[in-house]
Protein backbone atom coordinates (compact mmCIF):
# COMPACT_ATOMS: atom_id res chain seq x y z
CA MET A 1 38.62 22.38 -0.46
CA LYS A 2 36.26 23.93 2.13
CA GLN A 3 33.97 20.51 1.61
CA ILE A 4 36.97 18.73 2.58
CA LYS A 5 37.62 20.87 5.75
CA THR A 6 34.38 20.22 6.77
CA VAL A 7 34.57 16.77 6.65
CA MET A 8 37.97 16.75 8.18
CA LEU A 9 36.65 19.36 10.92
CA CYS A 10 33.79 17.09 11.73
CA CYS A 11 36.07 13.80 12.47
CA LEU A 12 37.82 15.80 14.54
CA MET A 13 34.53 17.32 16.82
CA LEU A 14 33.63 13.38 16.42
CA LEU A 15 37.48 12.66 18.70
CA LEU A 16 36.57 15.70 20.70
CA ALA A 17 32.92 15.18 21.59
CA PRO A 18 32.31 14.79 25.11
CA TRP A 19 31.01 11.13 26.16
CA ASN A 20 29.05 9.88 29.26
CA ALA A 21 30.64 6.14 29.42
CA GLU A 22 26.98 5.17 31.77
CA ALA A 23 23.82 4.28 29.66
CA GLN A 24 20.82 6.46 29.62
CA GLU A 25 17.77 5.02 30.48
CA ILE A 26 17.14 1.51 28.34
CA SER A 27 14.08 2.16 25.49
CA GLU A 28 11.34 -0.63 25.41
CA GLY A 29 12.24 -1.68 22.21
CA ASN A 30 15.80 -2.49 22.81
CA LEU A 31 15.10 -4.35 26.23
CA LYS A 32 12.53 -6.32 23.81
CA LYS A 33 14.85 -6.99 21.81
CA ALA A 34 17.64 -7.97 23.73
CA THR A 35 14.67 -10.18 25.98
CA GLN A 36 13.85 -11.87 22.66
CA TRP A 37 17.57 -12.50 21.57
CA VAL A 38 18.29 -14.32 25.37
CA ALA A 39 15.18 -16.08 25.17
CA SER A 40 16.20 -17.83 22.00
CA LEU A 41 19.26 -19.29 23.76
CA ASN A 42 16.83 -21.48 26.04
CA LEU A 43 19.44 -20.87 28.90
CA ASN A 44 17.27 -22.51 32.03
CA ASP A 45 18.60 -20.46 34.05
CA ALA A 46 16.38 -17.10 35.55
CA ALA A 47 19.72 -15.40 36.87
CA LYS A 48 21.81 -15.76 33.88
CA GLN A 49 19.34 -14.75 31.32
CA GLN A 50 18.87 -12.10 33.09
CA ARG A 51 22.19 -10.92 33.43
CA VAL A 52 22.79 -11.75 29.60
CA THR A 53 19.56 -9.54 28.93
CA ASN A 54 21.33 -6.32 30.99
CA VAL A 55 24.18 -6.72 28.68
CA ILE A 56 22.64 -6.59 25.80
CA ALA A 57 19.95 -4.17 26.20
CA THR A 58 22.81 -1.28 27.91
CA HIS A 59 25.12 -2.24 24.57
CA LEU A 60 21.90 -1.84 22.08
CA GLN A 61 21.08 1.52 24.04
CA ALA A 62 25.01 2.17 24.25
CA ILE A 63 25.09 2.51 20.39
CA ALA A 64 21.85 4.04 20.02
CA ASP A 65 22.94 6.80 22.35
CA TRP A 66 26.16 7.44 20.71
CA HIS A 67 24.91 7.21 17.21
CA ASN A 68 21.78 9.92 18.04
CA ALA A 69 24.13 11.99 19.86
CA HIS A 70 27.29 12.56 17.14
CA LEU A 71 25.26 11.90 13.70
CA ASN A 72 24.62 15.46 12.73
CA LEU A 73 28.18 16.14 13.26
CA ILE A 74 28.64 15.05 9.61
CA PRO A 75 26.46 17.68 7.97
CA ASP A 76 24.32 16.36 5.06
CA GLY A 77 26.54 17.61 1.69
CA SER A 78 29.94 16.54 3.30
CA ILE A 79 32.09 14.59 0.80
CA ASN A 80 34.38 11.92 0.68
CA PRO A 81 37.70 13.70 0.47
CA LEU A 82 39.29 10.54 -1.76
CA THR A 83 36.56 10.49 -4.30
CA GLY A 84 35.12 14.02 -3.69
CA LYS A 85 31.83 12.66 -3.73
CA LYS A 86 28.52 13.59 -2.10
CA LEU A 87 28.50 11.42 1.65
CA SER A 88 25.16 9.06 1.46
CA ALA A 89 22.97 9.18 4.29
CA VAL A 90 24.47 5.61 5.05
CA ASP A 91 28.07 7.50 4.50
CA ARG A 92 27.25 9.43 7.09
CA GLN A 93 26.00 7.07 9.54
CA ILE A 94 29.06 5.13 9.61
CA ILE A 95 31.54 7.82 9.86
CA ALA A 96 29.60 9.48 12.92
CA ASP A 97 29.20 5.49 14.60
CA SER A 98 32.28 4.53 13.91
CA GLY A 99 34.08 6.96 16.22
CA GLN A 100 32.13 5.47 19.25
CA PRO A 101 34.85 4.32 22.00
CA ALA A 102 35.93 0.67 21.64
CA SER A 103 35.18 0.47 25.59
CA ILE A 104 31.65 0.13 23.89
CA ARG A 105 31.94 -3.45 22.00
CA GLN A 106 34.38 -4.58 24.37
CA ALA A 107 31.85 -4.53 27.29
CA LEU A 108 29.64 -6.25 24.94
CA LEU A 109 31.39 -8.87 24.42
CA ASP A 110 33.08 -9.36 27.92
CA GLY A 111 29.29 -9.65 29.30
CA LEU A 112 28.64 -12.33 26.54
CA ASN A 113 31.73 -14.73 27.48
CA ALA A 114 31.49 -14.26 30.83
CA GLU A 115 28.01 -16.37 30.85
CA LEU A 116 27.68 -17.91 27.21
CA SER A 117 29.43 -20.53 25.59
CA PRO A 118 31.47 -19.21 22.32
CA GLU A 119 28.90 -21.05 20.29
CA GLN A 120 26.01 -18.92 22.18
CA VAL A 121 28.08 -15.63 21.99
CA GLU A 122 28.51 -16.26 17.97
CA GLN A 123 24.55 -16.86 18.23
CA ILE A 124 24.00 -13.57 19.85
CA LEU A 125 26.33 -11.67 17.20
CA ASP A 126 24.38 -13.52 14.53
CA LEU A 127 21.30 -12.08 16.05
CA TYR A 128 22.72 -8.50 15.30
CA THR A 129 23.79 -8.87 11.97
CA ILE A 130 20.36 -10.94 10.96
CA GLY A 131 22.53 -14.00 10.00
CA LYS A 132 24.74 -12.05 7.11
CA VAL A 133 27.65 -14.46 7.68
CA ALA A 134 25.64 -17.91 6.96
CA PHE A 135 23.55 -16.00 4.36
CA THR A 136 26.61 -14.36 2.29
CA MET A 137 28.82 -17.66 3.05
CA LYS A 138 26.15 -19.88 1.36
CA ALA A 139 25.98 -17.48 -1.44
CA TYR A 140 30.10 -17.77 -2.14
CA ARG A 141 29.63 -21.41 -2.36
CA GLU A 142 26.86 -21.39 -4.66
CA ILE A 143 29.08 -18.80 -7.12
CA VAL A 144 32.18 -20.65 -6.74
CA PRO A 145 31.39 -24.32 -6.12
CA ASP A 146 34.73 -25.49 -6.22
CA MET A 147 36.34 -23.57 -3.67
CA SER A 148 39.15 -25.06 -0.99
CA ALA A 149 39.17 -25.40 2.59
CA GLU A 150 41.57 -22.20 2.46
CA ASP A 151 39.34 -20.14 0.74
CA GLU A 152 36.16 -20.79 2.87
CA ALA A 153 38.30 -20.22 5.93
CA VAL A 154 39.67 -16.77 4.48
CA LEU A 155 35.82 -15.82 3.30
CA MET A 156 34.92 -16.70 7.03
CA ASN A 157 37.33 -15.36 8.60
CA ASN A 158 36.76 -11.59 6.57
CA LEU A 159 32.95 -12.58 7.35
CA LYS A 160 33.40 -12.49 11.00
CA GLU A 161 35.82 -9.90 10.96
CA ALA A 162 32.48 -7.82 9.50
CA ARG A 163 30.18 -9.39 11.58
CA LEU A 164 32.26 -7.96 14.84
CA MET A 165 32.71 -4.34 13.44
CA ALA A 166 28.66 -4.34 12.36
CA ILE A 167 27.84 -4.72 16.04
CA ASP A 168 28.69 -0.63 16.27
CA TYR A 169 25.84 0.12 14.26
CA LYS A 170 22.51 1.02 14.96
CA ASN A 171 20.85 -0.22 11.69
CA MET A 172 20.56 -2.37 9.05
CA LYS A 173 21.73 -0.07 6.31
CA ALA A 174 24.99 0.56 8.13
CA ILE A 175 25.30 -3.18 9.21
CA SER A 176 24.90 -3.99 5.31
CA GLY A 177 27.10 -0.96 4.15
CA ILE A 178 29.97 -2.62 6.87
CA PHE A 179 29.77 -6.29 5.58
CA GLU A 180 29.80 -4.53 1.81
CA ILE A 181 33.93 -3.60 3.25
CA PHE A 182 34.67 -6.71 3.77
CA LYS A 183 32.45 -8.42 0.43
CA THR A 184 34.80 -6.35 -1.36
CA LYS A 185 37.80 -7.97 0.40
CA ASN A 186 37.04 -11.63 -0.26
CA GLU A 187 35.88 -10.45 -3.50
CA GLN A 188 39.62 -9.52 -4.21
CA TYR A 189 41.18 -11.81 -2.72
CA PHE A 190 39.96 -14.43 -5.57
CA THR A 191 41.35 -11.70 -7.82
CA GLN A 192 44.75 -11.77 -6.36
CA THR A 193 45.08 -15.32 -6.31
CA GLY A 194 44.41 -15.75 -10.09
CA ARG A 195 40.64 -16.24 -10.24
CA ASP A 196 39.34 -13.09 -11.58
CA TRP A 197 35.73 -11.80 -9.60
CA ARG A 198 34.14 -10.54 -12.53
CA THR A 199 34.86 -13.36 -14.80
CA ILE A 200 33.37 -16.06 -11.64
CA TYR A 201 30.23 -13.93 -11.22
CA LYS A 202 29.47 -13.54 -14.60
CA ALA A 203 29.54 -17.28 -15.04
CA TYR A 204 27.24 -17.56 -12.38
CA VAL A 205 24.46 -15.45 -13.30
CA GLU A 206 24.75 -16.96 -16.97
CA LYS A 207 24.23 -20.28 -15.17
CA LEU A 208 21.26 -18.95 -13.39
CA LYS A 209 19.37 -17.61 -16.58
CA ALA A 210 20.55 -20.75 -18.59
CA ASN A 211 18.83 -22.88 -15.78
CA LYS A 212 15.29 -20.94 -15.84
CA LYS A 213 15.03 -21.42 -19.63
């Protein structure tokens, strides 16, 4: 009970902790990453390229600042009150980073949409998440080769929702953790529509083993 109260108290502290909405000085690493991402768009417009770079670099710094300021509010040894299991380091990161103001993400999206096409915005979001949407969708097509157009639309919608949420997180372990939430949701979708995911995946693994022989 004491540990559960500790986790609840930490979450309350996250909500009440003061937050300076103005980004601190942008680090060299975040500026370099933003510059590389924008260069990949081939905008051929120096002024626009600089504006988009500033939007992305400011966002990267904002999520890093939030992460660094709030991570230690979830102490090592805290437990998940639903399972009683100790929170992993990634669990603690996800809890801490999930409390950031929605305005941080919205400022990024507003800035990108003001300057870029929808396709270019998606390209930037994919860079934030190292192409996990396309990579995961490719795996689904291999595992379930008889997917319908409706199946693909449901899965893709969930993966894009995962991508949008994942841009709030500072490192790839946390980003992968967010995608796991939505991968579970996709697996449940198959089971709920009469196709047990475990059976489907087992058949896929057995097929791979047979092809290796």
